[in-house]
């Protein structure tokens, strides 16, 4: 497989996105904002752009909506891929699972920068740090 230059964007594979709702938006479980499924820079939206809270609905593939937990996922910290793309690390408060989600173009930049500048030990529970 040929290596790509680090400044080239990652190629996106086509995704068969299934929705469990009939509308074109969802209500955030954190701030109660009505959020559109359309997100700039990603094939599907899986978190609120205002408070970065997500819902534990995807199991293996983003957009599959097969997870039965349905717990609230709090944004804990950020991770950066080698190509410079930012990922939000979410922690499910119901089952404790960790997952990563790509940031979207309309995410709250102030919250993202606050998470990037905050030391990781002040925002993660001890049991989560041990799992990393």
C-alpha atoms as a PDB file:
ATOM      1  CA  UNK A   1       0.000   0.000   0.000  1.00  0.00           C
ATOM      2  CA  UNK A   2       1.573   3.323  -0.985  1.00  0.00           C
ATOM      3  CA  UNK A   3       2.246   5.799   1.789  1.00  0.00           C
ATOM      4  CA  UNK A   4       0.526   9.120   1.452  1.00  0.00           C
ATOM      5  CA  UNK A   5       2.073  12.436   2.223  1.00  0.00           C
ATOM      6  CA  UNK A   6       1.121  13.653   5.756  1.00  0.00           C
ATOM      7  CA  UNK A   7      -0.461  16.823   4.390  1.00  0.00           C
ATOM      8  CA  UNK A   8      -2.817  14.988   2.046  1.00  0.00           C
ATOM      9  CA  UNK A   9      -6.347  14.505   3.398  1.00  0.00           C
ATOM     10  CA  UNK A  10      -7.339  11.006   4.385  1.00  0.00           C
ATOM     11  CA  UNK A  11      -9.408   9.301   1.702  1.00  0.00           C
ATOM     12  CA  UNK A  12     -12.940   8.615   2.858  1.00  0.00           C
ATOM     13  CA  UNK A  13     -14.544   5.308   2.028  1.00  0.00           C
ATOM     14  CA  UNK A  14     -18.218   5.373   1.066  1.00  0.00           C
ATOM     15  CA  UNK A  15     -20.430   4.585   4.041  1.00  0.00           C
ATOM     16  CA  UNK A  16     -23.841   3.038   4.136  1.00  0.00           C
ATOM     17  CA  UNK A  17     -25.279   5.236   6.858  1.00  0.00           C
ATOM     18  CA  UNK A  18     -28.419   4.011   8.556  1.00  0.00           C
ATOM     19  CA  UNK A  19     -30.502   6.295  10.707  1.00  0.00           C
ATOM     20  CA  UNK A  20     -32.802   5.168  13.477  1.00  0.00           C
ATOM     21  CA  UNK A  21     -34.902   8.319  13.190  1.00  0.00           C
ATOM     22  CA  UNK A  22     -37.118   9.538  10.390  1.00  0.00           C
ATOM     23  CA  UNK A  23     -36.207  13.225  10.740  1.00  0.00           C
ATOM     24  CA  UNK A  24     -33.155  15.156   9.691  1.00  0.00           C
ATOM     25  CA  UNK A  25     -32.110  16.252  13.196  1.00  0.00           C
ATOM     26  CA  UNK A  26     -31.763  14.993  16.766  1.00  0.00           C
ATOM     27  CA  UNK A  27     -31.996  16.564  20.208  1.00  0.00           C
ATOM     28  CA  UNK A  28     -28.758  16.698  22.209  1.00  0.00           C
ATOM     29  CA  UNK A  29     -28.895  14.825  25.532  1.00  0.00           C
ATOM     30  CA  UNK A  30     -26.529  17.369  27.078  1.00  0.00           C
ATOM     31  CA  UNK A  31     -27.730  20.863  26.143  1.00  0.00           C
ATOM     32  CA  UNK A  32     -31.102  19.961  24.508  1.00  0.00           C
ATOM     33  CA  UNK A  33     -30.143  21.731  21.249  1.00  0.00           C
ATOM     34  CA  UNK A  34     -31.774  20.499  18.032  1.00  0.00           C
ATOM     35  CA  UNK A  35     -28.844  19.356  15.878  1.00  0.00           C
ATOM     36  CA  UNK A  36     -28.899  18.596  12.159  1.00  0.00           C
ATOM     37  CA  UNK A  37     -27.450  15.281  10.950  1.00  0.00           C
ATOM     38  CA  UNK A  38     -25.585  17.180   8.219  1.00  0.00           C
ATOM     39  CA  UNK A  39     -22.071  18.062   9.398  1.00  0.00           C
ATOM     40  CA  UNK A  40     -19.331  19.803   7.422  1.00  0.00           C
ATOM     41  CA  UNK A  41     -16.234  17.645   7.097  1.00  0.00           C
ATOM     42  CA  UNK A  42     -17.781  14.287   7.994  1.00  0.00           C
ATOM     43  CA  UNK A  43     -20.195  11.786   6.446  1.00  0.00           C
ATOM     44  CA  UNK A  44     -22.493  11.729   9.474  1.00  0.00           C
ATOM     45  CA  UNK A  45     -22.853  13.587  12.743  1.00  0.00           C
ATOM     46  CA  UNK A  46     -22.552  11.704  16.018  1.00  0.00           C
ATOM     47  CA  UNK A  47     -22.174  14.493  18.597  1.00  0.00           C
ATOM     48  CA  UNK A  48     -23.548  17.922  19.433  1.00  0.00           C
ATOM     49  CA  UNK A  49     -21.474  20.768  17.956  1.00  0.00           C
ATOM     50  CA  UNK A  50     -22.282  23.043  20.903  1.00  0.00           C
ATOM     51  CA  UNK A  51     -21.443  20.902  23.970  1.00  0.00           C
ATOM     52  CA  UNK A  52     -19.677  17.958  22.203  1.00  0.00           C
ATOM     53  CA  UNK A  53     -21.869  15.416  24.036  1.00  0.00           C
ATOM     54  CA  UNK A  54     -22.714  12.212  22.177  1.00  0.00           C
ATOM     55  CA  UNK A  55     -25.058   9.278  22.638  1.00  0.00           C
ATOM     56  CA  UNK A  56     -23.798   5.681  22.761  1.00  0.00           C
ATOM     57  CA  UNK A  57     -25.612   4.330  19.706  1.00  0.00           C
ATOM     58  CA  UNK A  58     -22.900   3.002  17.350  1.00  0.00           C
ATOM     59  CA  UNK A  59     -21.314  -0.395  17.888  1.00  0.00           C
ATOM     60  CA  UNK A  60     -18.596  -1.247  15.365  1.00  0.00           C
ATOM     61  CA  UNK A  61     -19.032   1.183  12.490  1.00  0.00           C
ATOM     62  CA  UNK A  62     -19.855   4.891  12.701  1.00  0.00           C
ATOM     63  CA  UNK A  63     -23.498   5.305  11.773  1.00  0.00           C
ATOM     64  CA  UNK A  64     -24.554   1.675  12.312  1.00  0.00           C
ATOM     65  CA  UNK A  65     -26.797   2.599  15.305  1.00  0.00           C
ATOM     66  CA  UNK A  66     -26.613  -0.972  16.683  1.00  0.00           C
ATOM     67  CA  UNK A  67     -25.456  -0.352  20.252  1.00  0.00           C
ATOM     68  CA  UNK A  68     -28.117  -1.143  22.845  1.00  0.00           C
ATOM     69  CA  UNK A  69     -26.550   0.896  25.674  1.00  0.00           C
ATOM     70  CA  UNK A  70     -27.900   4.315  24.534  1.00  0.00           C
ATOM     71  CA  UNK A  71     -25.991   5.986  27.387  1.00  0.00           C
ATOM     72  CA  UNK A  72     -24.740   9.560  27.426  1.00  0.00           C
ATOM     73  CA  UNK A  73     -21.158   9.950  26.206  1.00  0.00           C
ATOM     74  CA  UNK A  74     -19.175  12.805  27.715  1.00  0.00           C
ATOM     75  CA  UNK A  75     -16.335  14.423  25.769  1.00  0.00           C
ATOM     76  CA  UNK A  76     -13.147  13.822  27.765  1.00  0.00           C
ATOM     77  CA  UNK A  77     -10.140  14.797  25.719  1.00  0.00           C
ATOM     78  CA  UNK A  78      -8.721  15.116  22.223  1.00  0.00           C
ATOM     79  CA  UNK A  79      -6.430  12.953  20.177  1.00  0.00           C
ATOM     80  CA  UNK A  80      -4.624  13.964  17.002  1.00  0.00           C
ATOM     81  CA  UNK A  81      -3.967  11.644  14.068  1.00  0.00           C
ATOM     82  CA  UNK A  82      -0.600  11.785  12.279  1.00  0.00           C
ATOM     83  CA  UNK A  83      -2.248  13.729   9.446  1.00  0.00           C
ATOM     84  CA  UNK A  84      -3.370  16.450  11.902  1.00  0.00           C
ATOM     85  CA  UNK A  85      -7.054  15.506  12.140  1.00  0.00           C
ATOM     86  CA  UNK A  86      -8.542  15.929  15.625  1.00  0.00           C
ATOM     87  CA  UNK A  87     -10.592  13.212  17.330  1.00  0.00           C
ATOM     88  CA  UNK A  88     -12.815  13.655  20.366  1.00  0.00           C
ATOM     89  CA  UNK A  89     -12.476  10.871  22.936  1.00  0.00           C
ATOM     90  CA  UNK A  90     -15.875  10.140  24.481  1.00  0.00           C
ATOM     91  CA  UNK A  91     -16.568   8.148  27.657  1.00  0.00           C
ATOM     92  CA  UNK A  92     -19.944   6.460  28.138  1.00  0.00           C
ATOM     93  CA  UNK A  93     -21.239   7.270  31.615  1.00  0.00           C
ATOM     94  CA  UNK A  94     -23.539   4.205  31.526  1.00  0.00           C
ATOM     95  CA  UNK A  95     -21.199   1.372  30.517  1.00  0.00           C
ATOM     96  CA  UNK A  96     -17.741   3.002  30.707  1.00  0.00           C
ATOM     97  CA  UNK A  97     -16.730   2.359  27.088  1.00  0.00           C
ATOM     98  CA  UNK A  98     -14.340   4.752  25.331  1.00  0.00           C
ATOM     99  CA  UNK A  99     -14.741   5.751  21.696  1.00  0.00           C
ATOM    100  CA  UNK A 100     -13.252   8.288  19.325  1.00  0.00           C
ATOM    101  CA  UNK A 101     -15.208  10.569  17.006  1.00  0.00           C
ATOM    102  CA  UNK A 102     -13.955  12.855  14.275  1.00  0.00           C
ATOM    103  CA  UNK A 103     -14.477  16.549  14.849  1.00  0.00           C
ATOM    104  CA  UNK A 104     -16.834  18.339  12.481  1.00  0.00           C
ATOM    105  CA  UNK A 105     -16.267  21.729  10.893  1.00  0.00           C
ATOM    106  CA  UNK A 106     -18.947  23.443  12.983  1.00  0.00           C
ATOM    107  CA  UNK A 107     -17.882  22.114  16.406  1.00  0.00           C
ATOM    108  CA  UNK A 108     -17.456  24.662  19.185  1.00  0.00           C
ATOM    109  CA  UNK A 109     -13.843  25.786  18.689  1.00  0.00           C
ATOM    110  CA  UNK A 110     -13.583  27.241  22.197  1.00  0.00           C
ATOM    111  CA  UNK A 111     -14.518  23.906  23.803  1.00  0.00           C
ATOM    112  CA  UNK A 112     -12.083  22.032  21.557  1.00  0.00           C
ATOM    113  CA  UNK A 113      -9.228  24.366  22.491  1.00  0.00           C
ATOM    114  CA  UNK A 114     -10.097  24.149  26.184  1.00  0.00           C
ATOM    115  CA  UNK A 115      -9.947  20.361  26.002  1.00  0.00           C
ATOM    116  CA  UNK A 116      -6.656  20.497  24.090  1.00  0.00           C
ATOM    117  CA  UNK A 117      -5.046  22.796  26.662  1.00  0.00           C
ATOM    118  CA  UNK A 118      -6.294  21.010  29.794  1.00  0.00           C
ATOM    119  CA  UNK A 119      -3.980  18.366  31.309  1.00  0.00           C
ATOM    120  CA  UNK A 120      -5.348  14.873  30.738  1.00  0.00           C
ATOM    121  CA  UNK A 121      -5.153  13.880  34.425  1.00  0.00           C
ATOM    122  CA  UNK A 122      -7.615  16.590  35.490  1.00  0.00           C
ATOM    123  CA  UNK A 123     -10.398  15.468  33.188  1.00  0.00           C
ATOM    124  CA  UNK A 124     -10.338  11.674  33.195  1.00  0.00           C
ATOM    125  CA  UNK A 125     -11.494   9.394  36.003  1.00  0.00           C
ATOM    126  CA  UNK A 126      -8.706   7.209  37.352  1.00  0.00           C
ATOM    127  CA  UNK A 127     -10.269   3.979  36.023  1.00  0.00           C
ATOM    128  CA  UNK A 128     -10.364   5.479  32.514  1.00  0.00           C
ATOM    129  CA  UNK A 129      -6.680   6.456  32.695  1.00  0.00           C
ATOM    130  CA  UNK A 130      -5.820   2.869  33.615  1.00  0.00           C
ATOM    131  CA  UNK A 131      -7.784   1.609  30.575  1.00  0.00           C
ATOM    132  CA  UNK A 132      -5.832   3.827  28.161  1.00  0.00           C
END
